[in-house]
Amino acid sequence: VHFTRIDDSYHFIMIDQPEKFGRAVEAA
């Protein structure tokens, strides 16, 4: 298991931080 926290976001990370979220998914 690996954990990635994305700050400045509420529950819907893909809405609030789409660029950071996309990079995290691509890295995974």
mmCIF file of all heavy atoms, coordinates in Angstrom:
data_MODEL
# 
_entry.id   MODEL 
# 
loop_
_atom_site.group_PDB 
_atom_site.id 
_atom_site.type_symbol 
_atom_site.label_atom_id 
_atom_site.label_alt_id 
_atom_site.label_comp_id 
_atom_site.label_asym_id 
_atom_site.label_entity_id 
_atom_site.label_seq_id 
_atom_site.pdbx_PDB_ins_code 
_atom_site.Cartn_x 
_atom_site.Cartn_y 
_atom_site.Cartn_z 
_atom_site.occupancy 
_atom_site.B_iso_or_equiv 
_atom_site.pdbx_formal_charge 
_atom_site.auth_seq_id 
_atom_site.auth_comp_id 
_atom_site.auth_asym_id 
_atom_site.auth_atom_id 
_atom_site.pdbx_PDB_model_num 
ATOM 1   N N   . VAL A 1 1  ? 0.831   -1.195 0.000   1.00 0.00 ? 1  VAL A N   1 
ATOM 2   C CA  . VAL A 1 1  ? 0.000   0.000  0.000   1.00 0.00 ? 1  VAL A CA  1 
ATOM 3   C C   . VAL A 1 1  ? 0.869   1.249  0.000   1.00 0.00 ? 1  VAL A C   1 
ATOM 4   O O   . VAL A 1 1  ? 1.918   1.305  0.658   1.00 0.00 ? 1  VAL A O   1 
ATOM 5   C CB  . VAL A 1 1  ? -0.977  -0.001 1.205   1.00 0.00 ? 1  VAL A CB  1 
ATOM 6   C CG1 . VAL A 1 1  ? -0.230  0.007  2.521   1.00 0.00 ? 1  VAL A CG1 1 
ATOM 7   C CG2 . VAL A 1 1  ? -1.961  1.160  1.120   1.00 0.00 ? 1  VAL A CG2 1 
ATOM 8   N N   . HIS A 1 2  ? 0.440   2.241  -0.765  1.00 0.00 ? 2  HIS A N   1 
ATOM 9   C CA  . HIS A 1 2  ? 1.124   3.529  -0.848  1.00 0.00 ? 2  HIS A CA  1 
ATOM 10  C C   . HIS A 1 2  ? 0.089   4.632  -0.667  1.00 0.00 ? 2  HIS A C   1 
ATOM 11  O O   . HIS A 1 2  ? -1.023  4.537  -1.196  1.00 0.00 ? 2  HIS A O   1 
ATOM 12  C CB  . HIS A 1 2  ? 1.809   3.678  -2.213  1.00 0.00 ? 2  HIS A CB  1 
ATOM 13  C CG  . HIS A 1 2  ? 2.422   5.026  -2.435  1.00 0.00 ? 2  HIS A CG  1 
ATOM 14  N ND1 . HIS A 1 2  ? 3.597   5.420  -1.832  1.00 0.00 ? 2  HIS A ND1 1 
ATOM 15  C CD2 . HIS A 1 2  ? 2.005   6.080  -3.189  1.00 0.00 ? 2  HIS A CD2 1 
ATOM 16  C CE1 . HIS A 1 2  ? 3.887   6.651  -2.208  1.00 0.00 ? 2  HIS A CE1 1 
ATOM 17  N NE2 . HIS A 1 2  ? 2.943   7.082  -3.023  1.00 0.00 ? 2  HIS A NE2 1 
ATOM 18  N N   . PHE A 1 3  ? 0.441   5.676  0.064   1.00 0.00 ? 3  PHE A N   1 
ATOM 19  C CA  . PHE A 1 3  ? -0.491  6.760  0.360   1.00 0.00 ? 3  PHE A CA  1 
ATOM 20  C C   . PHE A 1 3  ? -0.036  8.060  -0.301  1.00 0.00 ? 3  PHE A C   1 
ATOM 21  O O   . PHE A 1 3  ? 1.144   8.421  -0.243  1.00 0.00 ? 3  PHE A O   1 
ATOM 22  C CB  . PHE A 1 3  ? -0.598  6.980  1.872   1.00 0.00 ? 3  PHE A CB  1 
ATOM 23  C CG  . PHE A 1 3  ? -1.117  5.786  2.615   1.00 0.00 ? 3  PHE A CG  1 
ATOM 24  C CD1 . PHE A 1 3  ? -0.247  4.839  3.151   1.00 0.00 ? 3  PHE A CD1 1 
ATOM 25  C CD2 . PHE A 1 3  ? -2.483  5.592  2.776   1.00 0.00 ? 3  PHE A CD2 1 
ATOM 26  C CE1 . PHE A 1 3  ? -0.726  3.738  3.835   1.00 0.00 ? 3  PHE A CE1 1 
ATOM 27  C CE2 . PHE A 1 3  ? -2.969  4.499  3.455   1.00 0.00 ? 3  PHE A CE2 1 
ATOM 28  C CZ  . PHE A 1 3  ? -2.091  3.563  3.983   1.00 0.00 ? 3  PHE A CZ  1 
ATOM 29  N N   . THR A 1 4  ? -0.983  8.757  -0.912  1.00 0.00 ? 4  THR A N   1 
ATOM 30  C CA  . THR A 1 4  ? -0.722  10.067 -1.497  1.00 0.00 ? 4  THR A CA  1 
ATOM 31  C C   . THR A 1 4  ? -1.772  11.049 -1.006  1.00 0.00 ? 4  THR A C   1 
ATOM 32  O O   . THR A 1 4  ? -2.965  10.870 -1.270  1.00 0.00 ? 4  THR A O   1 
ATOM 33  C CB  . THR A 1 4  ? -0.762  10.022 -3.034  1.00 0.00 ? 4  THR A CB  1 
ATOM 34  O OG1 . THR A 1 4  ? 0.255   9.142  -3.514  1.00 0.00 ? 4  THR A OG1 1 
ATOM 35  C CG2 . THR A 1 4  ? -0.547  11.416 -3.623  1.00 0.00 ? 4  THR A CG2 1 
ATOM 36  N N   . ARG A 1 5  ? -1.364  12.062 -0.280  1.00 0.00 ? 5  ARG A N   1 
ATOM 37  C CA  . ARG A 1 5  ? -2.284  13.093 0.199   1.00 0.00 ? 5  ARG A CA  1 
ATOM 38  C C   . ARG A 1 5  ? -2.246  14.277 -0.751  1.00 0.00 ? 5  ARG A C   1 
ATOM 39  O O   . ARG A 1 5  ? -1.169  14.716 -1.160  1.00 0.00 ? 5  ARG A O   1 
ATOM 40  C CB  . ARG A 1 5  ? -1.895  13.547 1.609   1.00 0.00 ? 5  ARG A CB  1 
ATOM 41  C CG  . ARG A 1 5  ? -2.948  14.408 2.287   1.00 0.00 ? 5  ARG A CG  1 
ATOM 42  C CD  . ARG A 1 5  ? -2.470  14.921 3.628   1.00 0.00 ? 5  ARG A CD  1 
ATOM 43  N NE  . ARG A 1 5  ? -1.538  16.022 3.476   1.00 0.00 ? 5  ARG A NE  1 
ATOM 44  C CZ  . ARG A 1 5  ? -0.450  16.204 4.236   1.00 0.00 ? 5  ARG A CZ  1 
ATOM 45  N NH1 . ARG A 1 5  ? -0.143  15.335 5.182   1.00 0.00 ? 5  ARG A NH1 1 
ATOM 46  N NH2 . ARG A 1 5  ? 0.337   17.247 4.029   1.00 0.00 ? 5  ARG A NH2 1 
ATOM 47  N N   . ILE A 1 6  ? -3.429  14.785 -1.101  1.00 0.00 ? 6  ILE A N   1 
ATOM 48  C CA  . ILE A 1 6  ? -3.528  15.973 -1.939  1.00 0.00 ? 6  ILE A CA  1 
ATOM 49  C C   . ILE A 1 6  ? -4.190  17.075 -1.126  1.00 0.00 ? 6  ILE A C   1 
ATOM 50  O O   . ILE A 1 6  ? -5.332  16.930 -0.675  1.00 0.00 ? 6  ILE A O   1 
ATOM 51  C CB  . ILE A 1 6  ? -4.316  15.680 -3.232  1.00 0.00 ? 6  ILE A CB  1 
ATOM 52  C CG1 . ILE A 1 6  ? -3.534  14.679 -4.093  1.00 0.00 ? 6  ILE A CG1 1 
ATOM 53  C CG2 . ILE A 1 6  ? -4.577  16.974 -4.010  1.00 0.00 ? 6  ILE A CG2 1 
ATOM 54  C CD1 . ILE A 1 6  ? -4.175  14.341 -5.410  1.00 0.00 ? 6  ILE A CD1 1 
ATOM 55  N N   . ASP A 1 7  ? -3.470  18.149 -0.915  1.00 0.00 ? 7  ASP A N   1 
ATOM 56  C CA  . ASP A 1 7  ? -3.945  19.246 -0.073  1.00 0.00 ? 7  ASP A CA  1 
ATOM 57  C C   . ASP A 1 7  ? -4.821  20.221 -0.858  1.00 0.00 ? 7  ASP A C   1 
ATOM 58  O O   . ASP A 1 7  ? -4.878  20.193 -2.087  1.00 0.00 ? 7  ASP A O   1 
ATOM 59  C CB  . ASP A 1 7  ? -2.754  19.985 0.533   1.00 0.00 ? 7  ASP A CB  1 
ATOM 60  C CG  . ASP A 1 7  ? -1.964  19.116 1.511   1.00 0.00 ? 7  ASP A CG  1 
ATOM 61  O OD1 . ASP A 1 7  ? -2.518  18.097 1.986   1.00 0.00 ? 7  ASP A OD1 1 
ATOM 62  O OD2 . ASP A 1 7  ? -0.794  19.448 1.786   1.00 0.00 ? 7  ASP A OD2 1 
ATOM 63  N N   . ASP A 1 8  ? -5.509  21.087 -0.097  1.00 0.00 ? 8  ASP A N   1 
ATOM 64  C CA  . ASP A 1 8  ? -6.391  22.118 -0.662  1.00 0.00 ? 8  ASP A CA  1 
ATOM 65  C C   . ASP A 1 8  ? -7.514  21.493 -1.476  1.00 0.00 ? 8  ASP A C   1 
ATOM 66  O O   . ASP A 1 8  ? -7.859  21.963 -2.563  1.00 0.00 ? 8  ASP A O   1 
ATOM 67  C CB  . ASP A 1 8  ? -5.597  23.113 -1.509  1.00 0.00 ? 8  ASP A CB  1 
ATOM 68  C CG  . ASP A 1 8  ? -4.525  23.817 -0.699  1.00 0.00 ? 8  ASP A CG  1 
ATOM 69  O OD1 . ASP A 1 8  ? -4.826  24.241 0.437   1.00 0.00 ? 8  ASP A OD1 1 
ATOM 70  O OD2 . ASP A 1 8  ? -3.381  23.934 -1.188  1.00 0.00 ? 8  ASP A OD2 1 
ATOM 71  N N   . SER A 1 9  ? -8.074  20.435 -0.942  1.00 0.00 ? 9  SER A N   1 
ATOM 72  C CA  . SER A 1 9  ? -9.158  19.743 -1.625  1.00 0.00 ? 9  SER A CA  1 
ATOM 73  C C   . SER A 1 9  ? -10.124 19.191 -0.599  1.00 0.00 ? 9  SER A C   1 
ATOM 74  O O   . SER A 1 9  ? -9.737  18.808 0.504   1.00 0.00 ? 9  SER A O   1 
ATOM 75  C CB  . SER A 1 9  ? -8.609  18.595 -2.479  1.00 0.00 ? 9  SER A CB  1 
ATOM 76  O OG  . SER A 1 9  ? -9.664  17.856 -3.078  1.00 0.00 ? 9  SER A OG  1 
ATOM 77  N N   . TYR A 1 10 ? -11.405 19.143 -0.987  1.00 0.00 ? 10 TYR A N   1 
ATOM 78  C CA  . TYR A 1 10 ? -12.393 18.419 -0.201  1.00 0.00 ? 10 TYR A CA  1 
ATOM 79  C C   . TYR A 1 10 ? -12.482 16.994 -0.757  1.00 0.00 ? 10 TYR A C   1 
ATOM 80  O O   . TYR A 1 10 ? -11.543 16.506 -1.379  1.00 0.00 ? 10 TYR A O   1 
ATOM 81  C CB  . TYR A 1 10 ? -13.743 19.119 -0.259  1.00 0.00 ? 10 TYR A CB  1 
ATOM 82  C CG  . TYR A 1 10 ? -13.831 20.466 0.437   1.00 0.00 ? 10 TYR A CG  1 
ATOM 83  C CD1 . TYR A 1 10 ? -15.005 21.202 0.375   1.00 0.00 ? 10 TYR A CD1 1 
ATOM 84  C CD2 . TYR A 1 10 ? -12.752 21.005 1.150   1.00 0.00 ? 10 TYR A CD2 1 
ATOM 85  C CE1 . TYR A 1 10 ? -15.105 22.442 0.994   1.00 0.00 ? 10 TYR A CE1 1 
ATOM 86  C CE2 . TYR A 1 10 ? -12.853 22.235 1.775   1.00 0.00 ? 10 TYR A CE2 1 
ATOM 87  C CZ  . TYR A 1 10 ? -14.028 22.953 1.688   1.00 0.00 ? 10 TYR A CZ  1 
ATOM 88  O OH  . TYR A 1 10 ? -14.130 24.181 2.303   1.00 0.00 ? 10 TYR A OH  1 
ATOM 89  N N   . HIS A 1 11 ? -13.607 16.348 -0.555  1.00 0.00 ? 11 HIS A N   1 
ATOM 90  C CA  . HIS A 1 11 ? -13.767 14.932 -0.886  1.00 0.00 ? 11 HIS A CA  1 
ATOM 91  C C   . HIS A 1 11 ? -13.584 14.645 -2.377  1.00 0.00 ? 11 HIS A C   1 
ATOM 92  O O   . HIS A 1 11 ? -13.008 13.629 -2.764  1.00 0.00 ? 11 HIS A O   1 
ATOM 93  C CB  . HIS A 1 11 ? -15.159 14.480 -0.417  1.00 0.00 ? 11 HIS A CB  1 
ATOM 94  C CG  . HIS A 1 11 ? -15.472 13.052 -0.674  1.00 0.00 ? 11 HIS A CG  1 
ATOM 95  N ND1 . HIS A 1 11 ? -14.632 12.027 -0.328  1.00 0.00 ? 11 HIS A ND1 1 
ATOM 96  C CD2 . HIS A 1 11 ? -16.571 12.470 -1.232  1.00 0.00 ? 11 HIS A CD2 1 
ATOM 97  C CE1 . HIS A 1 11 ? -15.192 10.862 -0.659  1.00 0.00 ? 11 HIS A CE1 1 
ATOM 98  N NE2 . HIS A 1 11 ? -16.358 11.111 -1.210  1.00 0.00 ? 11 HIS A NE2 1 
ATOM 99  N N   . PHE A 1 12 ? -14.077 15.528 -3.239  1.00 0.00 ? 12 PHE A N   1 
ATOM 100 C CA  . PHE A 1 12 ? -13.996 15.298 -4.679  1.00 0.00 ? 12 PHE A CA  1 
ATOM 101 C C   . PHE A 1 12 ? -12.682 15.866 -5.223  1.00 0.00 ? 12 PHE A C   1 
ATOM 102 O O   . PHE A 1 12 ? -12.643 16.940 -5.825  1.00 0.00 ? 12 PHE A O   1 
ATOM 103 C CB  . PHE A 1 12 ? -15.215 15.908 -5.380  1.00 0.00 ? 12 PHE A CB  1 
ATOM 104 C CG  . PHE A 1 12 ? -16.459 15.104 -5.171  1.00 0.00 ? 12 PHE A CG  1 
ATOM 105 C CD1 . PHE A 1 12 ? -17.246 15.307 -4.052  1.00 0.00 ? 12 PHE A CD1 1 
ATOM 106 C CD2 . PHE A 1 12 ? -16.833 14.128 -6.079  1.00 0.00 ? 12 PHE A CD2 1 
ATOM 107 C CE1 . PHE A 1 12 ? -18.387 14.553 -3.848  1.00 0.00 ? 12 PHE A CE1 1 
ATOM 108 C CE2 . PHE A 1 12 ? -17.971 13.367 -5.881  1.00 0.00 ? 12 PHE A CE2 1 
ATOM 109 C CZ  . PHE A 1 12 ? -18.749 13.586 -4.756  1.00 0.00 ? 12 PHE A CZ  1 
ATOM 110 N N   . ILE A 1 13 ? -11.621 15.123 -5.034  1.00 0.00 ? 13 ILE A N   1 
ATOM 111 C CA  . ILE A 1 13 ? -10.290 15.592 -5.409  1.00 0.00 ? 13 ILE A CA  1 
ATOM 112 C C   . ILE A 1 13 ? -10.204 15.854 -6.906  1.00 0.00 ? 13 ILE A C   1 
ATOM 113 O O   . ILE A 1 13 ? -9.535  16.783 -7.355  1.00 0.00 ? 13 ILE A O   1 
ATOM 114 C CB  . ILE A 1 13 ? -9.229  14.557 -4.981  1.00 0.00 ? 13 ILE A CB  1 
ATOM 115 C CG1 . ILE A 1 13 ? -9.385  14.198 -3.500  1.00 0.00 ? 13 ILE A CG1 1 
ATOM 116 C CG2 . ILE A 1 13 ? -7.823  15.110 -5.226  1.00 0.00 ? 13 ILE A CG2 1 
ATOM 117 C CD1 . ILE A 1 13 ? -8.502  13.052 -3.055  1.00 0.00 ? 13 ILE A CD1 1 
ATOM 118 N N   . MET A 1 14 ? -10.886 15.021 -7.691  1.00 0.00 ? 14 MET A N   1 
ATOM 119 C CA  . MET A 1 14 ? -10.820 15.172 -9.145  1.00 0.00 ? 14 MET A CA  1 
ATOM 120 C C   . MET A 1 14 ? -11.433 16.487 -9.618  1.00 0.00 ? 14 MET A C   1 
ATOM 121 O O   . MET A 1 14 ? -11.131 16.973 -10.702 1.00 0.00 ? 14 MET A O   1 
ATOM 122 C CB  . MET A 1 14 ? -11.497 13.983 -9.850  1.00 0.00 ? 14 MET A CB  1 
ATOM 123 C CG  . MET A 1 14 ? -12.979 13.840 -9.570  1.00 0.00 ? 14 MET A CG  1 
ATOM 124 S SD  . MET A 1 14 ? -13.350 13.109 -7.951  1.00 0.00 ? 14 MET A SD  1 
ATOM 125 C CE  . MET A 1 14 ? -12.910 11.412 -8.242  1.00 0.00 ? 14 MET A CE  1 
ATOM 126 N N   . ILE A 1 15 ? -12.288 17.089 -8.801  1.00 0.00 ? 15 ILE A N   1 
ATOM 127 C CA  . ILE A 1 15 ? -12.866 18.396 -9.112  1.00 0.00 ? 15 ILE A CA  1 
ATOM 128 C C   . ILE A 1 15 ? -11.993 19.525 -8.568  1.00 0.00 ? 15 ILE A C   1 
ATOM 129 O O   . ILE A 1 15 ? -11.677 20.479 -9.266  1.00 0.00 ? 15 ILE A O   1 
ATOM 130 C CB  . ILE A 1 15 ? -14.282 18.524 -8.526  1.00 0.00 ? 15 ILE A CB  1 
ATOM 131 C CG1 . ILE A 1 15 ? -15.225 17.532 -9.182  1.00 0.00 ? 15 ILE A CG1 1 
ATOM 132 C CG2 . ILE A 1 15 ? -14.812 19.951 -8.674  1.00 0.00 ? 15 ILE A CG2 1 
ATOM 133 C CD1 . ILE A 1 15 ? -16.641 17.574 -8.621  1.00 0.00 ? 15 ILE A CD1 1 
ATOM 134 N N   . ASP A 1 16 ? -11.586 19.387 -7.322  1.00 0.00 ? 16 ASP A N   1 
ATOM 135 C CA  . ASP A 1 16 ? -10.885 20.486 -6.655  1.00 0.00 ? 16 ASP A CA  1 
ATOM 136 C C   . ASP A 1 16 ? -9.418  20.608 -7.063  1.00 0.00 ? 16 ASP A C   1 
ATOM 137 O O   . ASP A 1 16 ? -8.868  21.711 -7.085  1.00 0.00 ? 16 ASP A O   1 
ATOM 138 C CB  . ASP A 1 16 ? -10.978 20.317 -5.138  1.00 0.00 ? 16 ASP A CB  1 
ATOM 139 C CG  . ASP A 1 16 ? -12.387 20.505 -4.610  1.00 0.00 ? 16 ASP A CG  1 
ATOM 140 O OD1 . ASP A 1 16 ? -13.166 21.225 -5.262  1.00 0.00 ? 16 ASP A OD1 1 
ATOM 141 O OD2 . ASP A 1 16 ? -12.713 19.938 -3.546  1.00 0.00 ? 16 ASP A OD2 1 
ATOM 142 N N   . GLN A 1 17 ? -8.783  19.476 -7.378  1.00 0.00 ? 17 GLN A N   1 
ATOM 143 C CA  . GLN A 1 17 ? -7.359  19.502 -7.756  1.00 0.00 ? 17 GLN A CA  1 
ATOM 144 C C   . GLN A 1 17 ? -7.129  18.545 -8.928  1.00 0.00 ? 17 GLN A C   1 
ATOM 145 O O   . GLN A 1 17 ? -6.422  17.533 -8.806  1.00 0.00 ? 17 GLN A O   1 
ATOM 146 C CB  . GLN A 1 17 ? -6.494  19.086 -6.555  1.00 0.00 ? 17 GLN A CB  1 
ATOM 147 C CG  . GLN A 1 17 ? -6.484  20.071 -5.405  1.00 0.00 ? 17 GLN A CG  1 
ATOM 148 C CD  . GLN A 1 17 ? -5.767  21.359 -5.751  1.00 0.00 ? 17 GLN A CD  1 
ATOM 149 O OE1 . GLN A 1 17 ? -5.009  21.441 -6.717  1.00 0.00 ? 17 GLN A OE1 1 
ATOM 150 N NE2 . GLN A 1 17 ? -5.986  22.395 -4.947  1.00 0.00 ? 17 GLN A NE2 1 
ATOM 151 N N   . PRO A 1 18 ? -7.715  18.817 -10.087 1.00 0.00 ? 18 PRO A N   1 
ATOM 152 C CA  . PRO A 1 18 ? -7.638  17.860 -11.198 1.00 0.00 ? 18 PRO A CA  1 
ATOM 153 C C   . PRO A 1 18 ? -6.222  17.589 -11.690 1.00 0.00 ? 18 PRO A C   1 
ATOM 154 O O   . PRO A 1 18 ? -5.906  16.454 -12.063 1.00 0.00 ? 18 PRO A O   1 
ATOM 155 C CB  . PRO A 1 18 ? -8.499  18.507 -12.288 1.00 0.00 ? 18 PRO A CB  1 
ATOM 156 C CG  . PRO A 1 18 ? -8.561  19.955 -11.927 1.00 0.00 ? 18 PRO A CG  1 
ATOM 157 C CD  . PRO A 1 18 ? -8.520  20.004 -10.436 1.00 0.00 ? 18 PRO A CD  1 
ATOM 158 N N   . GLU A 1 19 ? -5.352  18.615 -11.706 1.00 0.00 ? 19 GLU A N   1 
ATOM 159 C CA  . GLU A 1 19 ? -3.998  18.396 -12.211 1.00 0.00 ? 19 GLU A CA  1 
ATOM 160 C C   . GLU A 1 19 ? -3.182  17.533 -11.250 1.00 0.00 ? 19 GLU A C   1 
ATOM 161 O O   . GLU A 1 19 ? -2.520  16.570 -11.655 1.00 0.00 ? 19 GLU A O   1 
ATOM 162 C CB  . GLU A 1 19 ? -3.301  19.741 -12.453 1.00 0.00 ? 19 GLU A CB  1 
ATOM 163 C CG  . GLU A 1 19 ? -3.927  20.563 -13.565 1.00 0.00 ? 19 GLU A CG  1 
ATOM 164 C CD  . GLU A 1 19 ? -3.964  19.809 -14.891 1.00 0.00 ? 19 GLU A CD  1 
ATOM 165 O OE1 . GLU A 1 19 ? -2.974  19.123 -15.204 1.00 0.00 ? 19 GLU A OE1 1 
ATOM 166 O OE2 . GLU A 1 19 ? -4.972  19.906 -15.603 1.00 0.00 ? 19 GLU A OE2 1 
ATOM 167 N N   . LYS A 1 20 ? -3.229  17.862 -9.974  1.00 0.00 ? 20 LYS A N   1 
ATOM 168 C CA  . LYS A 1 20 ? -2.508  17.052 -8.975  1.00 0.00 ? 20 LYS A CA  1 
ATOM 169 C C   . LYS A 1 20 ? -3.069  15.636 -8.930  1.00 0.00 ? 20 LYS A C   1 
ATOM 170 O O   . LYS A 1 20 ? -2.318  14.660 -8.798  1.00 0.00 ? 20 LYS A O   1 
ATOM 171 C CB  . LYS A 1 20 ? -2.608  17.703 -7.595  1.00 0.00 ? 20 LYS A CB  1 
ATOM 172 C CG  . LYS A 1 20 ? -1.844  19.007 -7.452  1.00 0.00 ? 20 LYS A CG  1 
ATOM 173 C CD  . LYS A 1 20 ? -2.001  19.564 -6.049  1.00 0.00 ? 20 LYS A CD  1 
ATOM 174 C CE  . LYS A 1 20 ? -1.272  20.884 -5.885  1.00 0.00 ? 20 LYS A CE  1 
ATOM 175 N NZ  . LYS A 1 20 ? -1.467  21.444 -4.511  1.00 0.00 ? 20 LYS A NZ  1 
ATOM 176 N N   . PHE A 1 21 ? -4.382  15.533 -9.031  1.00 0.00 ? 21 PHE A N   1 
ATOM 177 C CA  . PHE A 1 21 ? -5.009  14.224 -9.003  1.00 0.00 ? 21 PHE A CA  1 
ATOM 178 C C   . PHE A 1 21 ? -4.578  13.389 -10.207 1.00 0.00 ? 21 PHE A C   1 
ATOM 179 O O   . PHE A 1 21 ? -4.220  12.214 -10.074 1.00 0.00 ? 21 PHE A O   1 
ATOM 180 C CB  . PHE A 1 21 ? -6.532  14.382 -8.987  1.00 0.00 ? 21 PHE A CB  1 
ATOM 181 C CG  . PHE A 1 21 ? -7.269  13.076 -9.025  1.00 0.00 ? 21 PHE A CG  1 
ATOM 182 C CD1 . PHE A 1 21 ? -7.299  12.248 -7.921  1.00 0.00 ? 21 PHE A CD1 1 
ATOM 183 C CD2 . PHE A 1 21 ? -7.935  12.666 -10.170 1.00 0.00 ? 21 PHE A CD2 1 
ATOM 184 C CE1 . PHE A 1 21 ? -7.978  11.033 -7.949  1.00 0.00 ? 21 PHE A CE1 1 
ATOM 185 C CE2 . PHE A 1 21 ? -8.614  11.468 -10.218 1.00 0.00 ? 21 PHE A CE2 1 
ATOM 186 C CZ  . PHE A 1 21 ? -8.637  10.644 -9.107  1.00 0.00 ? 21 PHE A CZ  1 
ATOM 187 N N   . GLY A 1 22 ? -4.594  13.994 -11.387 1.00 0.00 ? 22 GLY A N   1 
ATOM 188 C CA  . GLY A 1 22 ? -4.195  13.274 -12.586 1.00 0.00 ? 22 GLY A CA  1 
ATOM 189 C C   . GLY A 1 22 ? -2.762  12.771 -12.493 1.00 0.00 ? 22 GLY A C   1 
ATOM 190 O O   . GLY A 1 22 ? -2.468  11.634 -12.870 1.00 0.00 ? 22 GLY A O   1 
ATOM 191 N N   . ARG A 1 23 ? -1.874  13.610 -11.985 1.00 0.00 ? 23 ARG A N   1 
ATOM 192 C CA  . ARG A 1 23 ? -0.471  13.191 -11.835 1.00 0.00 ? 23 ARG A CA  1 
ATOM 193 C C   . ARG A 1 23 ? -0.342  12.040 -10.844 1.00 0.00 ? 23 ARG A C   1 
ATOM 194 O O   . ARG A 1 23 ? 0.454   11.109 -11.059 1.00 0.00 ? 23 ARG A O   1 
ATOM 195 C CB  . ARG A 1 23 ? 0.387   14.372 -11.397 1.00 0.00 ? 23 ARG A CB  1 
ATOM 196 C CG  . ARG A 1 23 ? 0.602   15.419 -12.498 1.00 0.00 ? 23 ARG A CG  1 
ATOM 197 C CD  . ARG A 1 23 ? 1.741   16.364 -12.146 1.00 0.00 ? 23 ARG A CD  1 
ATOM 198 N NE  . ARG A 1 23 ? 1.452   17.168 -10.960 1.00 0.00 ? 23 ARG A NE  1 
ATOM 199 C CZ  . ARG A 1 23 ? 0.868   18.348 -10.978 1.00 0.00 ? 23 ARG A CZ  1 
ATOM 200 N NH1 . ARG A 1 23 ? 0.469   18.882 -12.138 1.00 0.00 ? 23 ARG A NH1 1 
ATOM 201 N NH2 . ARG A 1 23 ? 0.672   19.029 -9.860  1.00 0.00 ? 23 ARG A NH2 1 
ATOM 202 N N   . ALA A 1 24 ? -1.117  12.082 -9.767  1.00 0.00 ? 24 ALA A N   1 
ATOM 203 C CA  . ALA A 1 24 ? -1.053  11.016 -8.771  1.00 0.00 ? 24 ALA A CA  1 
ATOM 204 C C   . ALA A 1 24 ? -1.542  9.693  -9.350  1.00 0.00 ? 24 ALA A C   1 
ATOM 205 O O   . ALA A 1 24 ? -0.965  8.629  -9.089  1.00 0.00 ? 24 ALA A O   1 
ATOM 206 C CB  . ALA A 1 24 ? -1.883  11.401 -7.544  1.00 0.00 ? 24 ALA A CB  1 
ATOM 207 N N   . VAL A 1 25 ? -2.609  9.738  -10.134 1.00 0.00 ? 25 VAL A N   1 
ATOM 208 C CA  . VAL A 1 25 ? -3.120  8.521  -10.755 1.00 0.00 ? 25 VAL A CA  1 
ATOM 209 C C   . VAL A 1 25 ? -2.116  7.975  -11.764 1.00 0.00 ? 25 VAL A C   1 
ATOM 210 O O   . VAL A 1 25 ? -1.841  6.761  -11.794 1.00 0.00 ? 25 VAL A O   1 
ATOM 211 C CB  . VAL A 1 25 ? -4.475  8.777  -11.431 1.00 0.00 ? 25 VAL A CB  1 
ATOM 212 C CG1 . VAL A 1 25 ? -4.901  7.583  -12.287 1.00 0.00 ? 25 VAL A CG1 1 
ATOM 213 C CG2 . VAL A 1 25 ? -5.546  9.065  -10.370 1.00 0.00 ? 25 VAL A CG2 1 
ATOM 214 N N   . GLU A 1 26 ? -1.559  8.840  -12.589 1.00 0.00 ? 26 GLU A N   1 
ATOM 215 C CA  . GLU A 1 26 ? -0.594  8.386  -13.593 1.00 0.00 ? 26 GLU A CA  1 
ATOM 216 C C   . GLU A 1 26 ? 0.638   7.778  -12.929 1.00 0.00 ? 26 GLU A C   1 
ATOM 217 O O   . GLU A 1 26 ? 1.181   6.777  -13.413 1.00 0.00 ? 26 GLU A O   1 
ATOM 218 C CB  . GLU A 1 26 ? -0.209  9.549  -14.501 1.00 0.00 ? 26 GLU A CB  1 
ATOM 219 C CG  . GLU A 1 26 ? -1.348  9.957  -15.452 1.00 0.00 ? 26 GLU A CG  1 
ATOM 220 C CD  . GLU A 1 26 ? -0.995  11.165 -16.301 1.00 0.00 ? 26 GLU A CD  1 
ATOM 221 O OE1 . GLU A 1 26 ? -0.393  12.119 -15.766 1.00 0.00 ? 26 GLU A OE1 1 
ATOM 222 O OE2 . GLU A 1 26 ? -1.309  11.147 -17.493 1.00 0.00 ? 26 GLU A OE2 1 
ATOM 223 N N   . ALA A 1 27 ? 1.068   8.349  -11.814 1.00 0.00 ? 27 ALA A N   1 
ATOM 224 C CA  . ALA A 1 27 ? 2.205   7.793  -11.088 1.00 0.00 ? 27 ALA A CA  1 
ATOM 225 C C   . ALA A 1 27 ? 1.878   6.412  -10.534 1.00 0.00 ? 27 ALA A C   1 
ATOM 226 O O   . ALA A 1 27 ? 2.730   5.510  -10.517 1.00 0.00 ? 27 ALA A O   1 
ATOM 227 C CB  . ALA A 1 27 ? 2.614   8.734  -9.965  1.00 0.00 ? 27 ALA A CB  1 
ATOM 228 N N   . ALA A 1 28 ? 0.659   6.229  -10.078 1.00 0.00 ? 28 ALA A N   1 
ATOM 229 C CA  . ALA A 1 28 ? 0.227   4.929  -9.544  1.00 0.00 ? 28 ALA A CA  1 
ATOM 230 C C   . ALA A 1 28 ? 0.080   3.896  -10.649 1.00 0.00 ? 28 ALA A C   1 
ATOM 231 O O   . ALA A 1 28 ? 0.299   2.696  -10.419 1.00 0.00 ? 28 ALA A O   1 
ATOM 232 C CB  . ALA A 1 28 ? -1.078  5.078  -8.793  1.00 0.00 ? 28 ALA A CB  1 
# 
